[in-house]
Amino acid sequence: MLNPEIEEVLFRLDSPFNQPRDPSSPAIAMPVLFAFCRSLPVAKRSEVIQEMRAKSSMRLLSTYGITMGAAAVRENSVQRIKDGLLGVVMEGGLSEYRDTICSLALLRHSAEKLGLDPRSVFSEAEAFADDRMHTFVQTILSQDALDISAYGYEEGTADGRFCYKQKRS
C-alpha cells in the first residue's frame, strides 16, 4: 500500500493531464519518489512499482532521462544519470516506448562522456526493471558503439549550456 506522500507524488507526475501545468511538479516529485523506491526491500520493488503504474501514467518519467542525461554532463554528475535511469525504468516504456529507448541511449551517452562504465551506472536501475525494461536496457548496453544520431538526437547548447537536441530532418 502506498502512503499519502507517494499518492501526492503520483498525482504531481500526472499534473500536466489533471491540472494546469505546475513547473515545480517534477522537481518536487522526483526526489521523493526515488527516495521511497530506493528504500523498498528488493522483493517489494516490482509490486510497488506496478501499484504506482496503476495509479499514475508517470508519463513525465519516460522523457526524464533526456533531461537528466544533459544535466549529468553539465554538472559532471553520475547521480543525475542514476536518477534519470530510475525514472525511465519505473515508467516502464508504457506511455511511449520510443521515448524510453531514446532516454536510455542518451543516458548511456552521458555516462560515456563522463568516462563512466555504462554497465556499472545502469546496474542500480536494472534492479527495478521488469522483463520488458530489462530487454530495453540490455539492447542499449549491448551496442558496441552508440551513435545518438541514430536515435534522432545530437549534442547542442541552449542558453550556453549543454543539452541534447532533436535532430532536424
N, C-alpha and C. Protein backbone atom coordinates (compact mmCIF):
# COMPACT_ATOMS: atom_id res chain seq x y z
N MET A 1 0.85 -1.19 0.00
CA MET A 1 0.00 0.00 0.00
C MET A 1 0.89 1.25 0.00
N LEU A 2 0.49 2.22 -0.81
CA LEU A 2 1.27 3.44 -0.93
C LEU A 2 0.84 4.43 0.14
N ASN A 3 1.81 5.19 0.66
CA ASN A 3 1.49 6.17 1.69
C ASN A 3 0.97 7.46 1.03
N PRO A 4 0.33 8.35 1.79
CA PRO A 4 -0.25 9.57 1.21
C PRO A 4 0.77 10.46 0.50
N GLU A 5 2.00 10.51 1.00
CA GLU A 5 3.00 11.34 0.34
C GLU A 5 3.28 10.82 -1.07
N ILE A 6 3.37 9.51 -1.23
CA ILE A 6 3.62 8.93 -2.55
C ILE A 6 2.40 9.11 -3.44
N GLU A 7 1.21 9.01 -2.88
CA GLU A 7 -0.02 9.27 -3.66
C GLU A 7 0.02 10.69 -4.23
N GLU A 8 0.47 11.66 -3.43
CA GLU A 8 0.57 13.04 -3.88
C GLU A 8 1.62 13.17 -4.99
N VAL A 9 2.74 12.48 -4.84
CA VAL A 9 3.78 12.50 -5.86
C VAL A 9 3.23 11.97 -7.18
N LEU A 10 2.51 10.88 -7.12
CA LEU A 10 1.95 10.30 -8.35
C LEU A 10 0.97 11.27 -9.00
N PHE A 11 0.20 11.97 -8.20
CA PHE A 11 -0.71 12.98 -8.74
C PHE A 11 0.10 14.08 -9.44
N ARG A 12 1.20 14.52 -8.81
CA ARG A 12 2.03 15.56 -9.41
C ARG A 12 2.63 15.09 -10.75
N LEU A 13 2.97 13.82 -10.84
CA LEU A 13 3.53 13.31 -12.08
C LEU A 13 2.51 13.35 -13.21
N ASP A 14 1.24 13.30 -12.87
CA ASP A 14 0.18 13.39 -13.87
C ASP A 14 -0.31 14.82 -14.03
N SER A 15 0.29 15.78 -13.32
CA SER A 15 -0.25 17.14 -13.30
C SER A 15 -0.47 17.77 -14.67
N PRO A 16 0.34 17.48 -15.68
CA PRO A 16 0.04 18.09 -16.98
C PRO A 16 -1.31 17.65 -17.52
N PHE A 17 -1.80 16.52 -17.02
CA PHE A 17 -3.05 15.97 -17.53
C PHE A 17 -4.22 16.23 -16.59
N ASN A 18 -3.96 16.50 -15.33
CA ASN A 18 -5.01 16.66 -14.32
C ASN A 18 -5.27 18.11 -13.92
N GLN A 19 -4.34 18.98 -14.16
CA GLN A 19 -4.45 20.35 -13.68
C GLN A 19 -3.55 21.25 -14.52
N PRO A 20 -3.65 22.55 -14.35
CA PRO A 20 -2.72 23.42 -15.07
C PRO A 20 -1.28 23.02 -14.75
N ARG A 21 -0.43 23.13 -15.73
CA ARG A 21 0.97 22.72 -15.58
C ARG A 21 1.64 23.43 -14.42
N ASP A 22 2.19 22.66 -13.53
CA ASP A 22 2.94 23.18 -12.39
C ASP A 22 4.40 22.87 -12.65
N PRO A 23 5.21 23.87 -13.05
CA PRO A 23 6.60 23.58 -13.41
C PRO A 23 7.42 23.01 -12.27
N SER A 24 6.98 23.17 -11.04
CA SER A 24 7.74 22.63 -9.92
C SER A 24 7.41 21.16 -9.67
N SER A 25 6.37 20.63 -10.31
CA SER A 25 5.95 19.26 -10.04
C SER A 25 7.08 18.24 -10.16
N PRO A 26 7.77 18.16 -11.30
CA PRO A 26 8.84 17.17 -11.37
C PRO A 26 9.94 17.41 -10.36
N ALA A 27 10.31 18.65 -10.14
CA ALA A 27 11.38 18.96 -9.19
C ALA A 27 11.02 18.53 -7.78
N ILE A 28 9.76 18.65 -7.44
CA ILE A 28 9.30 18.24 -6.11
C ILE A 28 9.10 16.73 -6.05
N ALA A 29 8.52 16.18 -7.10
CA ALA A 29 8.10 14.78 -7.08
C ALA A 29 9.26 13.79 -7.17
N MET A 30 10.19 14.04 -8.05
CA MET A 30 11.21 13.04 -8.33
C MET A 30 12.05 12.64 -7.12
N PRO A 31 12.63 13.58 -6.37
CA PRO A 31 13.44 13.14 -5.22
C PRO A 31 12.64 12.32 -4.20
N VAL A 32 11.40 12.70 -3.97
CA VAL A 32 10.56 11.96 -3.02
C VAL A 32 10.29 10.55 -3.54
N LEU A 33 9.92 10.46 -4.80
CA LEU A 33 9.62 9.17 -5.41
C LEU A 33 10.84 8.26 -5.41
N PHE A 34 11.99 8.80 -5.79
CA PHE A 34 13.19 7.97 -5.86
C PHE A 34 13.65 7.52 -4.48
N ALA A 35 13.59 8.40 -3.50
CA ALA A 35 13.98 8.01 -2.15
C ALA A 35 13.07 6.89 -1.64
N PHE A 36 11.77 7.02 -1.91
CA PHE A 36 10.83 5.99 -1.50
C PHE A 36 11.18 4.65 -2.16
N CYS A 37 11.39 4.66 -3.46
CA CYS A 37 11.66 3.42 -4.19
C CYS A 37 12.97 2.78 -3.76
N ARG A 38 13.98 3.62 -3.55
CA ARG A 38 15.27 3.07 -3.13
C ARG A 38 15.20 2.47 -1.73
N SER A 39 14.24 2.93 -0.93
CA SER A 39 14.12 2.41 0.43
C SER A 39 13.37 1.07 0.49
N LEU A 40 12.75 0.68 -0.59
CA LEU A 40 11.96 -0.56 -0.60
C LEU A 40 12.86 -1.78 -0.57
N PRO A 41 12.42 -2.82 0.13
CA PRO A 41 13.15 -4.09 0.03
C PRO A 41 13.08 -4.57 -1.42
N VAL A 42 14.15 -5.19 -1.89
CA VAL A 42 14.22 -5.62 -3.28
C VAL A 42 13.01 -6.47 -3.66
N ALA A 43 12.57 -7.34 -2.77
CA ALA A 43 11.44 -8.22 -3.08
C ALA A 43 10.12 -7.48 -3.28
N LYS A 44 10.00 -6.26 -2.75
CA LYS A 44 8.75 -5.49 -2.85
C LYS A 44 8.76 -4.48 -4.00
N ARG A 45 9.92 -4.21 -4.59
CA ARG A 45 10.03 -3.14 -5.58
C ARG A 45 9.08 -3.32 -6.76
N SER A 46 9.09 -4.48 -7.36
CA SER A 46 8.26 -4.71 -8.54
C SER A 46 6.78 -4.53 -8.22
N GLU A 47 6.36 -5.08 -7.10
CA GLU A 47 4.95 -4.99 -6.68
C GLU A 47 4.54 -3.53 -6.47
N VAL A 48 5.36 -2.76 -5.80
CA VAL A 48 5.03 -1.36 -5.52
C VAL A 48 5.06 -0.53 -6.80
N ILE A 49 6.03 -0.78 -7.66
CA ILE A 49 6.09 -0.04 -8.92
C ILE A 49 4.85 -0.36 -9.77
N GLN A 50 4.42 -1.60 -9.78
CA GLN A 50 3.19 -1.95 -10.51
C GLN A 50 1.99 -1.21 -9.93
N GLU A 51 1.93 -1.09 -8.61
CA GLU A 51 0.84 -0.35 -7.97
C GLU A 51 0.89 1.12 -8.36
N MET A 52 2.09 1.69 -8.41
CA MET A 52 2.23 3.09 -8.81
C MET A 52 1.80 3.28 -10.26
N ARG A 53 2.18 2.36 -11.13
CA ARG A 53 1.78 2.46 -12.53
C ARG A 53 0.26 2.40 -12.69
N ALA A 54 -0.39 1.64 -11.82
CA ALA A 54 -1.85 1.54 -11.88
C ALA A 54 -2.52 2.85 -11.46
N LYS A 55 -1.85 3.65 -10.65
CA LYS A 55 -2.44 4.89 -10.13
C LYS A 55 -2.02 6.13 -10.93
N SER A 56 -0.98 6.02 -11.73
CA SER A 56 -0.45 7.19 -12.42
C SER A 56 0.14 6.76 -13.75
N SER A 57 -0.01 7.60 -14.74
CA SER A 57 0.61 7.29 -16.03
C SER A 57 2.13 7.43 -15.95
N MET A 58 2.61 8.25 -15.05
CA MET A 58 4.04 8.51 -14.88
C MET A 58 4.69 8.91 -16.20
N ARG A 59 3.92 9.54 -17.08
CA ARG A 59 4.42 9.90 -18.41
C ARG A 59 5.65 10.79 -18.35
N LEU A 60 5.72 11.66 -17.36
CA LEU A 60 6.88 12.55 -17.28
C LEU A 60 8.19 11.76 -17.14
N LEU A 61 8.10 10.57 -16.59
CA LEU A 61 9.32 9.79 -16.38
C LEU A 61 9.88 9.24 -17.68
N SER A 62 9.06 9.09 -18.72
CA SER A 62 9.56 8.49 -19.96
C SER A 62 10.60 9.38 -20.64
N THR A 63 10.50 10.68 -20.48
CA THR A 63 11.49 11.59 -21.08
C THR A 63 12.41 12.23 -20.03
N TYR A 64 12.20 11.88 -18.78
CA TYR A 64 13.02 12.42 -17.70
C TYR A 64 14.50 12.10 -17.92
N GLY A 65 14.77 10.95 -18.50
CA GLY A 65 16.15 10.55 -18.74
C GLY A 65 16.89 11.50 -19.67
N ILE A 66 16.20 12.07 -20.64
CA ILE A 66 16.83 13.01 -21.56
C ILE A 66 17.29 14.24 -20.79
N THR A 67 16.41 14.76 -19.96
CA THR A 67 16.73 15.93 -19.14
C THR A 67 17.88 15.63 -18.19
N MET A 68 17.82 14.48 -17.53
CA MET A 68 18.86 14.13 -16.57
C MET A 68 20.18 13.80 -17.24
N GLY A 69 20.14 13.24 -18.44
CA GLY A 69 21.38 12.95 -19.17
C GLY A 69 22.15 14.23 -19.46
N ALA A 70 21.44 15.25 -19.92
CA ALA A 70 22.09 16.54 -20.20
C ALA A 70 22.58 17.19 -18.91
N ALA A 71 21.76 17.14 -17.86
CA ALA A 71 22.17 17.71 -16.57
C ALA A 71 23.42 17.01 -16.04
N ALA A 72 23.50 15.71 -16.24
CA ALA A 72 24.67 14.95 -15.78
C ALA A 72 25.95 15.46 -16.43
N VAL A 73 25.89 15.73 -17.72
CA VAL A 73 27.07 16.24 -18.43
C VAL A 73 27.41 17.64 -17.94
N ARG A 74 26.40 18.49 -17.82
CA ARG A 74 26.66 19.87 -17.36
C ARG A 74 27.27 19.89 -15.97
N GLU A 75 26.80 19.01 -15.10
CA GLU A 75 27.20 19.01 -13.69
C GLU A 75 28.27 17.97 -13.37
N ASN A 76 28.67 17.17 -14.36
CA ASN A 76 29.60 16.08 -14.13
C ASN A 76 29.09 15.18 -12.99
N SER A 77 27.83 14.75 -13.11
CA SER A 77 27.15 14.07 -12.02
C SER A 77 26.63 12.69 -12.40
N VAL A 78 27.23 11.67 -11.82
CA VAL A 78 26.73 10.31 -12.03
C VAL A 78 25.35 10.14 -11.40
N GLN A 79 25.06 10.88 -10.32
CA GLN A 79 23.76 10.75 -9.66
C GLN A 79 22.62 11.19 -10.58
N ARG A 80 22.86 12.21 -11.40
CA ARG A 80 21.83 12.63 -12.36
C ARG A 80 21.52 11.50 -13.35
N ILE A 81 22.55 10.78 -13.77
CA ILE A 81 22.33 9.65 -14.68
C ILE A 81 21.52 8.58 -13.97
N LYS A 82 21.90 8.25 -12.75
CA LYS A 82 21.18 7.22 -11.99
C LYS A 82 19.72 7.60 -11.76
N ASP A 83 19.46 8.87 -11.45
CA ASP A 83 18.08 9.31 -11.26
C ASP A 83 17.29 9.23 -12.56
N GLY A 84 17.92 9.64 -13.65
CA GLY A 84 17.25 9.53 -14.95
C GLY A 84 16.92 8.10 -15.30
N LEU A 85 17.86 7.20 -15.07
CA LEU A 85 17.64 5.78 -15.33
C LEU A 85 16.51 5.22 -14.47
N LEU A 86 16.51 5.57 -13.21
CA LEU A 86 15.48 5.06 -12.32
C LEU A 86 14.10 5.53 -12.79
N GLY A 87 13.99 6.80 -13.17
CA GLY A 87 12.71 7.30 -13.66
C GLY A 87 12.25 6.58 -14.91
N VAL A 88 13.15 6.40 -15.85
CA VAL A 88 12.79 5.74 -17.11
C VAL A 88 12.38 4.29 -16.85
N VAL A 89 13.14 3.59 -16.02
CA VAL A 89 12.83 2.19 -15.72
C VAL A 89 11.50 2.07 -14.98
N MET A 90 11.24 2.99 -14.07
CA MET A 90 9.97 2.93 -13.33
C MET A 90 8.78 3.14 -14.24
N GLU A 91 8.89 4.05 -15.19
CA GLU A 91 7.78 4.30 -16.12
C GLU A 91 7.54 3.06 -16.98
N GLY A 92 8.59 2.37 -17.31
CA GLY A 92 8.46 1.07 -17.95
C GLY A 92 8.19 1.07 -19.45
N GLY A 93 8.35 2.20 -20.11
CA GLY A 93 8.09 2.23 -21.54
C GLY A 93 6.63 2.08 -21.89
N LEU A 94 5.76 2.36 -20.93
CA LEU A 94 4.34 2.12 -21.14
C LEU A 94 3.64 3.22 -21.93
N SER A 95 4.09 4.47 -21.79
CA SER A 95 3.38 5.54 -22.50
C SER A 95 3.89 5.68 -23.93
N GLU A 96 5.17 5.53 -24.14
CA GLU A 96 5.75 5.61 -25.49
C GLU A 96 7.14 4.99 -25.45
N TYR A 97 7.23 3.77 -25.91
CA TYR A 97 8.49 3.05 -25.77
C TYR A 97 9.65 3.72 -26.51
N ARG A 98 9.37 4.47 -27.59
CA ARG A 98 10.46 5.14 -28.31
C ARG A 98 11.12 6.21 -27.44
N ASP A 99 10.32 6.92 -26.63
CA ASP A 99 10.91 7.88 -25.69
C ASP A 99 11.81 7.16 -24.69
N THR A 100 11.38 5.99 -24.27
CA THR A 100 12.15 5.20 -23.32
C THR A 100 13.49 4.80 -23.92
N ILE A 101 13.47 4.30 -25.13
CA ILE A 101 14.70 3.87 -25.79
C ILE A 101 15.64 5.07 -25.98
N CYS A 102 15.10 6.20 -26.43
CA CYS A 102 15.93 7.40 -26.62
C CYS A 102 16.54 7.86 -25.30
N SER A 103 15.73 7.86 -24.24
CA SER A 103 16.24 8.25 -22.93
C SER A 103 17.39 7.35 -22.50
N LEU A 104 17.21 6.05 -22.65
CA LEU A 104 18.27 5.11 -22.27
C LEU A 104 19.54 5.34 -23.09
N ALA A 105 19.38 5.58 -24.39
CA ALA A 105 20.55 5.82 -25.24
C ALA A 105 21.28 7.09 -24.82
N LEU A 106 20.54 8.14 -24.53
CA LEU A 106 21.19 9.40 -24.14
C LEU A 106 21.83 9.29 -22.76
N LEU A 107 21.23 8.51 -21.88
CA LEU A 107 21.85 8.30 -20.56
C LEU A 107 23.15 7.50 -20.69
N ARG A 108 23.14 6.52 -21.57
CA ARG A 108 24.40 5.79 -21.81
C ARG A 108 25.44 6.74 -22.39
N HIS A 109 25.04 7.55 -23.36
CA HIS A 109 25.96 8.51 -23.98
C HIS A 109 26.54 9.46 -22.91
N SER A 110 25.69 9.92 -22.01
CA SER A 110 26.15 10.81 -20.94
C SER A 110 27.17 10.11 -20.04
N ALA A 111 26.88 8.87 -19.69
CA ALA A 111 27.82 8.11 -18.86
C ALA A 111 29.18 8.00 -19.55
N GLU A 112 29.15 7.71 -20.85
CA GLU A 112 30.40 7.58 -21.59
C GLU A 112 31.13 8.93 -21.68
N LYS A 113 30.39 10.02 -21.85
CA LYS A 113 31.02 11.35 -21.89
C LYS A 113 31.72 11.66 -20.58
N LEU A 114 31.19 11.13 -19.48
CA LEU A 114 31.80 11.36 -18.18
C LEU A 114 32.90 10.34 -17.87
N GLY A 115 33.17 9.45 -18.82
CA GLY A 115 34.23 8.45 -18.63
C GLY A 115 33.81 7.30 -17.73
N LEU A 116 32.51 7.08 -17.61
CA LEU A 116 32.00 6.03 -16.74
C LEU A 116 31.67 4.77 -17.52
N ASP A 117 31.68 3.63 -16.85
CA ASP A 117 31.26 2.37 -17.45
C ASP A 117 29.73 2.32 -17.39
N PRO A 118 29.05 2.37 -18.54
CA PRO A 118 27.59 2.37 -18.53
C PRO A 118 26.98 1.18 -17.80
N ARG A 119 27.57 0.01 -17.93
CA ARG A 119 27.01 -1.17 -17.24
C ARG A 119 26.97 -0.97 -15.73
N SER A 120 28.02 -0.39 -15.20
CA SER A 120 28.08 -0.13 -13.77
C SER A 120 27.03 0.91 -13.36
N VAL A 121 26.92 1.96 -14.15
CA VAL A 121 25.96 3.03 -13.83
C VAL A 121 24.53 2.53 -13.94
N PHE A 122 24.26 1.67 -14.90
CA PHE A 122 22.90 1.18 -15.14
C PHE A 122 22.48 0.10 -14.14
N SER A 123 23.41 -0.44 -13.37
CA SER A 123 23.11 -1.60 -12.52
C SER A 123 22.04 -1.33 -11.47
N GLU A 124 22.04 -0.16 -10.82
CA GLU A 124 21.02 0.12 -9.81
C GLU A 124 19.63 0.14 -10.43
N ALA A 125 19.49 0.81 -11.55
CA ALA A 125 18.17 0.91 -12.19
C ALA A 125 17.68 -0.46 -12.65
N GLU A 126 18.59 -1.31 -13.07
CA GLU A 126 18.16 -2.64 -13.52
C GLU A 126 17.52 -3.45 -12.40
N ALA A 127 17.85 -3.15 -11.17
CA ALA A 127 17.22 -3.84 -10.04
C ALA A 127 15.73 -3.52 -9.95
N PHE A 128 15.30 -2.44 -10.60
CA PHE A 128 13.89 -2.04 -10.60
C PHE A 128 13.19 -2.45 -11.90
N ALA A 129 13.92 -2.99 -12.85
CA ALA A 129 13.37 -3.26 -14.18
C ALA A 129 12.56 -4.54 -14.22
N ASP A 130 11.42 -4.44 -14.93
CA ASP A 130 10.68 -5.66 -15.23
C ASP A 130 11.33 -6.28 -16.47
N ASP A 131 10.80 -7.40 -16.94
CA ASP A 131 11.42 -8.10 -18.07
C ASP A 131 11.51 -7.23 -19.31
N ARG A 132 10.45 -6.48 -19.59
CA ARG A 132 10.43 -5.62 -20.78
C ARG A 132 11.53 -4.55 -20.70
N MET A 133 11.61 -3.89 -19.54
CA MET A 133 12.62 -2.85 -19.38
C MET A 133 14.03 -3.44 -19.37
N HIS A 134 14.17 -4.61 -18.80
CA HIS A 134 15.48 -5.27 -18.80
C HIS A 134 15.94 -5.48 -20.26
N THR A 135 15.01 -5.87 -21.12
CA THR A 135 15.33 -6.06 -22.54
C THR A 135 15.75 -4.74 -23.18
N PHE A 136 15.01 -3.65 -22.89
CA PHE A 136 15.37 -2.34 -23.43
C PHE A 136 16.78 -1.94 -22.98
N VAL A 137 17.05 -2.09 -21.68
CA VAL A 137 18.35 -1.70 -21.13
C VAL A 137 19.46 -2.52 -21.78
N GLN A 138 19.26 -3.83 -21.87
CA GLN A 138 20.29 -4.69 -22.46
C GLN A 138 20.52 -4.38 -23.93
N THR A 139 19.47 -3.99 -24.64
CA THR A 139 19.62 -3.60 -26.05
C THR A 139 20.54 -2.40 -26.18
N ILE A 140 20.35 -1.42 -25.32
CA ILE A 140 21.19 -0.22 -25.36
C ILE A 140 22.62 -0.54 -24.92
N LEU A 141 22.76 -1.33 -23.87
CA LEU A 141 24.10 -1.63 -23.35
C LEU A 141 24.89 -2.57 -24.27
N SER A 142 24.22 -3.37 -25.06
CA SER A 142 24.91 -4.36 -25.88
C SER A 142 25.50 -3.78 -27.16
N GLN A 143 25.17 -2.57 -27.50
CA GLN A 143 25.71 -1.95 -28.71
C GLN A 143 27.19 -1.61 -28.50
N ASP A 144 28.00 -1.97 -29.49
CA ASP A 144 29.44 -1.70 -29.38
C ASP A 144 29.70 -0.20 -29.33
N ALA A 145 29.15 0.51 -30.27
CA ALA A 145 29.31 1.97 -30.31
C ALA A 145 27.92 2.58 -30.44
N LEU A 146 27.65 3.51 -29.60
CA LEU A 146 26.32 4.14 -29.60
C LEU A 146 26.41 5.48 -30.31
N ASP A 147 25.59 5.64 -31.34
CA ASP A 147 25.52 6.89 -32.09
C ASP A 147 24.17 7.52 -31.79
N ILE A 148 24.16 8.61 -31.03
CA ILE A 148 22.87 9.19 -30.63
C ILE A 148 22.09 9.74 -31.82
N SER A 149 22.76 10.00 -32.94
CA SER A 149 22.02 10.47 -34.12
C SER A 149 21.09 9.38 -34.65
N ALA A 150 21.43 8.12 -34.40
CA ALA A 150 20.54 7.02 -34.79
C ALA A 150 19.23 7.06 -34.01
N TYR A 151 19.22 7.77 -32.90
CA TYR A 151 18.01 7.91 -32.08
C TYR A 151 17.36 9.27 -32.27
N GLY A 152 17.89 10.02 -33.25
CA GLY A 152 17.29 11.31 -33.58
C GLY A 152 17.76 12.48 -32.74
N TYR A 153 18.91 12.33 -32.08
CA TYR A 153 19.43 13.39 -31.21
C TYR A 153 20.84 13.77 -31.58
N GLU A 154 21.22 14.95 -31.15
CA GLU A 154 22.60 15.43 -31.27
C GLU A 154 22.91 16.29 -30.06
N GLU A 155 24.20 16.45 -29.81
CA GLU A 155 24.62 17.34 -28.73
C GLU A 155 24.44 18.78 -29.19
N GLY A 156 24.12 19.64 -28.25
CA GLY A 156 23.97 21.05 -28.58
C GLY A 156 24.10 21.91 -27.34
N THR A 157 23.76 23.17 -27.50
CA THR A 157 23.73 24.08 -26.36
C THR A 157 22.44 24.89 -26.43
N ALA A 158 21.97 25.25 -25.28
CA ALA A 158 20.82 26.15 -25.14
C ALA A 158 21.17 27.08 -23.99
N ASP A 159 21.08 28.37 -24.24
CA ASP A 159 21.47 29.37 -23.24
C ASP A 159 22.89 29.13 -22.73
N GLY A 160 23.76 28.67 -23.64
CA GLY A 160 25.15 28.45 -23.28
C GLY A 160 25.40 27.19 -22.46
N ARG A 161 24.38 26.34 -22.33
CA ARG A 161 24.52 25.12 -21.52
C ARG A 161 24.35 23.89 -22.40
N PHE A 162 25.09 22.84 -22.07
CA PHE A 162 24.99 21.58 -22.81
C PHE A 162 23.56 21.06 -22.76
N CYS A 163 23.11 20.51 -23.90
CA CYS A 163 21.79 19.86 -23.95
C CYS A 163 21.79 18.84 -25.07
N TYR A 164 20.78 18.01 -25.08
CA TYR A 164 20.53 17.13 -26.22
C TYR A 164 19.39 17.74 -27.00
N LYS A 165 19.59 17.82 -28.31
CA LYS A 165 18.57 18.39 -29.19
C LYS A 165 18.13 17.33 -30.19
N GLN A 166 16.85 17.37 -30.52
CA GLN A 166 16.38 16.50 -31.57
C GLN A 166 16.94 17.00 -32.88
N LYS A 167 17.41 16.07 -33.68
CA LYS A 167 17.96 16.44 -34.99
C LYS A 167 16.84 16.91 -35.90
N ARG A 168 17.17 17.88 -36.70
CA ARG A 168 16.21 18.36 -37.69
C ARG A 168 16.36 17.52 -38.95
N SER A 169 15.24 17.20 -39.52
CA SER A 169 15.26 16.36 -40.74
C SER A 169 15.78 17.11 -41.93
